[in-house]
Protein backbone atom coordinates (compact mmCIF):
# COMPACT_ATOMS: atom_id res chain seq x y z
CA MET A 1 52.45 93.03 99.40
CA THR A 2 53.17 97.01 99.04
CA ILE A 3 56.10 98.02 101.22
CA GLN A 4 54.71 101.11 102.22
CA ASN A 5 57.77 102.80 103.30
CA ASP A 6 60.33 104.25 100.76
CA GLY A 7 63.32 103.67 102.74
CA ASP A 8 62.56 100.00 103.18
CA LEU A 9 61.62 99.75 99.83
CA ALA A 10 64.82 101.36 98.16
CA ALA A 11 66.95 99.12 100.58
CA HIS A 12 65.39 96.02 99.85
CA LEU A 13 65.50 96.46 96.15
CA ALA A 14 68.78 97.33 96.12
CA GLU A 15 69.95 94.34 98.36
CA GLN A 16 67.61 92.13 96.47
CA ALA A 17 69.26 93.16 92.95
CA GLY A 18 72.78 93.07 94.60
CA LYS A 19 71.65 88.96 95.46
CA ILE A 20 70.66 88.50 91.65
CA LEU A 21 73.91 90.08 90.61
CA LEU A 22 75.96 87.84 92.74
CA GLN A 23 74.07 84.49 91.73
CA VAL A 24 74.43 85.70 87.90
CA ARG A 25 78.06 85.92 88.52
CA ALA A 26 78.39 82.60 90.49
CA SER A 27 76.45 80.34 87.66
CA GLY A 28 79.61 80.23 85.94
CA VAL A 29 77.79 80.41 82.14
CA PHE A 30 79.05 84.15 81.59
CA GLY A 31 82.31 85.35 81.13
CA GLY A 32 83.80 89.10 80.50
CA LYS A 33 81.55 91.87 78.82
CA ALA A 34 79.08 89.17 78.68
CA LEU A 35 78.69 88.75 82.03
CA GLY A 36 78.59 92.64 82.56
CA LYS A 37 75.48 92.64 80.12
CA ALA A 38 73.71 89.74 81.53
CA GLY A 39 74.30 91.16 85.17
CA ASP A 40 73.13 94.49 84.07
CA GLN A 41 69.66 93.44 82.43
CA THR A 42 68.72 90.78 84.79
CA ALA A 43 69.21 93.49 87.81
CA ASN A 44 67.31 95.96 85.78
CA GLN A 45 64.31 93.94 84.89
CA PHE A 46 64.12 93.14 88.30
CA LEU A 47 64.47 96.96 89.46
CA VAL A 48 62.00 98.44 87.03
CA HIS A 49 59.29 95.73 87.03
CA ALA A 50 59.42 95.86 91.23
CA LEU A 51 59.09 99.44 91.26
CA ARG A 52 56.24 99.50 88.73
CA GLU A 53 54.74 97.44 91.34
CA GLN A 54 55.14 99.14 94.20
CA ARG A 55 55.26 102.56 93.00
CA PRO A 56 53.14 102.77 89.93
CA ASN A 57 52.11 106.54 89.92
CA ASP A 58 55.96 107.20 90.27
CA GLY A 59 58.32 108.41 87.55
CA LEU A 60 61.21 105.90 86.95
CA LEU A 61 65.10 106.61 85.12
CA SER A 62 67.00 103.74 84.57
CA GLU A 63 70.68 103.47 82.96
CA GLU A 64 69.23 100.49 81.78
CA GLU A 65 65.88 101.36 80.34
CA LYS A 66 64.64 103.54 77.50
CA ASP A 67 63.72 106.89 78.85
CA ASN A 68 60.26 108.05 79.35
CA ALA A 69 59.91 111.89 78.96
CA GLU A 70 56.45 111.62 81.24
CA ARG A 71 58.90 111.59 84.29
CA LEU A 72 59.67 115.03 83.81
CA SER A 73 56.17 116.22 84.80
CA GLN A 74 56.36 113.81 87.91
CA SER A 75 57.37 115.36 91.19
CA ARG A 76 58.42 111.56 92.80
CA VAL A 77 61.11 109.86 90.39
CA TRP A 78 62.84 106.72 91.19
CA ILE A 79 66.67 107.05 90.04
CA VAL A 80 68.27 103.69 89.63
CA ASP A 81 71.67 102.21 88.30
CA PRO A 82 71.38 98.45 88.22
CA VAL A 83 75.04 97.95 87.97
CA ASP A 84 77.44 100.67 89.00
CA GLY A 85 80.95 100.07 88.02
CA THR A 86 80.01 96.82 85.40
CA ARG A 87 83.77 96.67 84.58
CA GLU A 88 84.35 95.93 88.50
CA TYR A 89 81.39 93.50 88.77
CA GLY A 90 82.57 91.58 85.50
CA GLU A 91 86.58 91.51 87.03
CA GLU A 92 84.72 89.96 90.22
CA ARG A 93 86.19 92.85 92.66
CA GLN A 94 84.32 94.59 95.65
CA ASP A 95 83.96 98.17 94.42
CA TRP A 96 80.51 97.74 92.42
CA ALA A 97 77.35 98.85 93.79
CA VAL A 98 73.88 99.03 93.22
CA HIS A 99 71.73 102.38 93.45
CA VAL A 100 68.33 102.98 94.20
CA GLY A 101 67.40 106.48 94.70
CA LEU A 102 64.38 108.74 94.89
CA ALA A 103 64.17 112.00 93.70
CA VAL A 104 61.46 114.52 94.93
CA ASP A 105 60.81 117.88 92.72
CA GLY A 106 64.84 117.49 91.57
CA ARG A 107 66.07 116.57 95.14
CA PRO A 108 67.86 114.06 95.88
CA ALA A 109 65.48 112.78 98.79
CA LEU A 110 66.10 109.32 99.69
CA GLY A 111 68.40 106.58 98.54
CA ALA A 112 70.27 103.13 99.47
CA VAL A 113 73.45 101.72 97.92
CA ALA A 114 74.04 97.98 98.17
CA LEU A 115 77.77 97.16 97.86
CA PRO A 116 77.07 93.30 97.29
CA GLY A 117 80.61 92.35 97.26
CA CYS A 118 81.01 93.71 100.98
CA ASP A 119 77.33 92.54 101.94
CA VAL A 120 76.49 95.82 102.84
CA VAL A 121 73.60 98.25 102.22
CA LEU A 122 73.88 101.93 103.50
CA ARG A 123 70.66 104.03 103.43
CA SER A 124 70.04 107.87 103.50
CA ASP A 125 67.07 107.53 106.53
CA ARG A 126 69.46 105.41 108.73
CA PRO A 127 72.65 107.15 109.17
CA GLY A 128 75.62 106.18 111.28
CA GLU A 129 78.71 108.06 112.46
CA VAL A 130 81.24 108.99 109.41
CA PRO A 131 84.64 107.98 111.43
CA ALA A 132 86.98 110.84 111.87
CA ALA A 133 89.34 112.41 109.28
CA PRO A 134 92.93 111.08 109.34
CA GLU A 135 95.76 113.95 109.42
CA VAL A 136 96.29 113.25 105.92
CA LEU A 137 93.45 113.01 103.74
CA ARG A 138 92.26 110.51 101.22
CA MET A 139 90.67 110.95 97.82
CA VAL A 140 89.18 108.49 95.78
CA VAL A 141 89.89 108.88 92.17
CA SER A 142 89.06 106.55 88.97
CA ARG A 143 91.19 103.52 89.02
CA THR A 144 91.45 103.65 85.30
CA ARG A 145 91.42 107.35 84.28
CA PRO A 146 91.77 109.74 87.48
CA ALA A 147 90.85 113.19 86.39
CA ARG A 148 93.49 116.00 86.30
CA GLU A 149 91.31 118.47 88.23
CA ALA A 150 91.03 115.95 90.97
CA THR A 151 94.69 114.76 91.20
CA GLU A 152 95.57 119.05 91.29
CA VAL A 153 93.30 119.18 94.26
CA ALA A 154 94.51 116.51 95.83
CA GLN A 155 98.41 117.69 95.36
CA LYS A 156 97.35 121.12 97.00
CA LEU A 157 95.50 119.61 100.10
CA GLY A 158 98.24 116.84 100.30
CA ALA A 159 95.72 114.06 100.28
CA GLU A 160 96.35 110.49 99.02
CA LEU A 161 94.90 108.99 96.01
CA VAL A 162 92.70 106.09 96.84
CA PRO A 163 92.01 104.42 93.02
CA MET A 164 88.68 102.80 93.28
CA GLY A 165 85.85 101.45 90.93
CA SER A 166 82.05 102.74 90.70
CA ALA A 167 80.97 105.91 91.79
CA GLY A 168 78.82 104.41 94.72
CA ALA A 169 81.93 102.60 95.98
CA LYS A 170 83.95 105.81 95.97
CA ALA A 171 80.86 108.19 97.70
CA MET A 172 80.34 105.17 100.36
CA ALA A 173 84.21 104.81 100.92
CA ILE A 174 83.81 107.94 102.91
CA LEU A 175 80.99 106.74 105.08
CA ARG A 176 83.00 103.77 105.56
CA GLY A 177 85.83 105.53 106.82
CA GLU A 178 87.98 104.20 104.11
CA ALA A 179 88.47 107.51 102.06
CA ASP A 180 87.73 111.32 102.77
CA ILE A 181 86.71 113.06 99.46
CA TYR A 182 84.90 112.09 96.08
CA LEU A 183 85.89 114.69 93.70
CA HIS A 184 84.68 113.79 90.45
CA SER A 185 85.14 116.11 87.13
CA GLY A 186 84.94 113.59 84.18
CA GLY A 187 81.22 113.66 83.54
CA GLN A 188 78.56 111.10 85.02
CA TYR A 189 74.92 110.72 84.26
CA GLU A 190 72.14 111.18 87.07
CA TRP A 191 72.01 107.39 87.95
CA ASP A 192 75.61 107.49 89.02
CA SER A 193 74.97 109.85 91.79
CA CYS A 194 71.31 110.14 92.65
CA ALA A 195 71.51 107.24 95.31
CA PRO A 196 74.67 107.91 96.48
CA VAL A 197 74.46 111.69 97.07
CA ALA A 198 71.13 111.34 99.09
CA VAL A 199 72.99 108.66 101.45
CA ALA A 200 75.68 111.24 101.95
CA LEU A 201 73.50 113.86 102.63
CA GLY A 202 71.49 111.56 104.95
CA TRP A 203 74.52 110.93 106.78
CA GLY A 204 75.30 114.31 107.01
CA LEU A 205 77.98 114.98 104.40
CA HIS A 206 78.54 117.91 101.99
CA ALA A 207 77.42 117.14 98.31
CA SER A 208 77.27 119.48 95.45
CA ARG A 209 78.67 120.36 92.18
CA ILE A 210 81.90 121.18 92.36
CA ASP A 211 81.19 124.92 91.75
CA GLY A 212 79.34 124.68 94.83
CA SER A 213 75.57 124.49 93.37
CA PRO A 214 73.27 121.95 94.43
CA LEU A 215 72.73 118.85 92.39
CA VAL A 216 69.38 118.91 90.68
CA TYR A 217 67.64 115.51 89.41
CA ASN A 218 64.91 114.48 86.88
CA GLN A 219 66.30 116.68 84.27
CA ALA A 220 65.64 116.34 80.45
CA ASP A 221 69.33 116.04 80.07
CA VAL A 222 70.56 113.43 82.44
CA TYR A 223 74.02 114.12 82.01
CA MET A 224 75.55 115.31 85.08
CA PRO A 225 79.23 116.88 84.48
CA ASP A 226 80.69 116.75 87.86
CA LEU A 227 80.50 116.14 91.66
CA LEU A 228 81.92 116.81 95.20
CA ILE A 229 81.08 114.58 98.17
CA CYS A 230 82.98 115.44 101.46
CA ARG A 231 83.01 116.24 105.23
CA LYS A 232 81.16 119.64 105.68
CA GLU A 233 84.45 120.80 107.19
CA HIS A 234 86.36 120.10 104.21
CA ALA A 235 83.96 121.37 101.55
CA ALA A 236 84.80 125.30 101.82
CA ARG A 237 88.68 124.56 101.17
CA ILE A 238 88.24 121.90 98.59
CA LEU A 239 85.90 124.41 96.47
CA ALA A 240 88.01 127.11 96.92
CA GLU A 241 90.91 124.92 95.56
CA VAL A 242 88.65 123.68 92.64
CA ALA A 243 87.53 127.28 91.62
CA ALA A 244 91.27 128.30 91.94
CA LEU A 245 92.58 125.90 88.85
CA THR A 246 93.49 127.31 86.01
CA PRO A 247 90.85 126.99 83.05
CA ALA A 248 92.88 124.25 81.47
CA ALA A 249 92.84 122.37 84.68
CA ARG A 250 88.98 122.75 84.69
């Protein structure tokens, strides 16, 4: 049976991949890095086969799949990350995610992000209300290597740092009222942000490069150096603080 609606398909696949990942982890036959590898490969096979079955005419880009340059000539390209936050997944934490995004003509048009550890799927086409920001803003940063740029901007804003795992978990923390700013400058790839950015935009948030330029997907070089997701009312000040940083900090 074909799932006609793209939003329903993205959400269903993200949710089912998350359930598969939890089953792989609960099996008890993998540990450490082997668990991360088994989870990545198992979820990837499910997502790739499902998308090729459901949307055979669309392009596909996955972190765990060999890239195919044919996608560059296609308008619609699914961009997936089977396990965003493999380390957190392997450590049985909750801050990891499954990303299923759809780029149309380079634009992050639609996406679903599953947080299997929290039993939640957030989708771009069914936005909720983002909780109001507290008096003291909170910025999510890497729990292992916070970027200097993010920490300096947080200091300028008087924001608290909230260490967290995967990119998807960080972005969704804003929608869930657990954080207010996600400023990343340590380098990512298209699969790290396509679905989370689509969801953030669908929920009315600001999402851009840290110089304010748009995020463009389905490029030949899938490396994406930086990212800002925040409430629209905070974007101008954050972008100004980034621009004011010394070249060494940027």
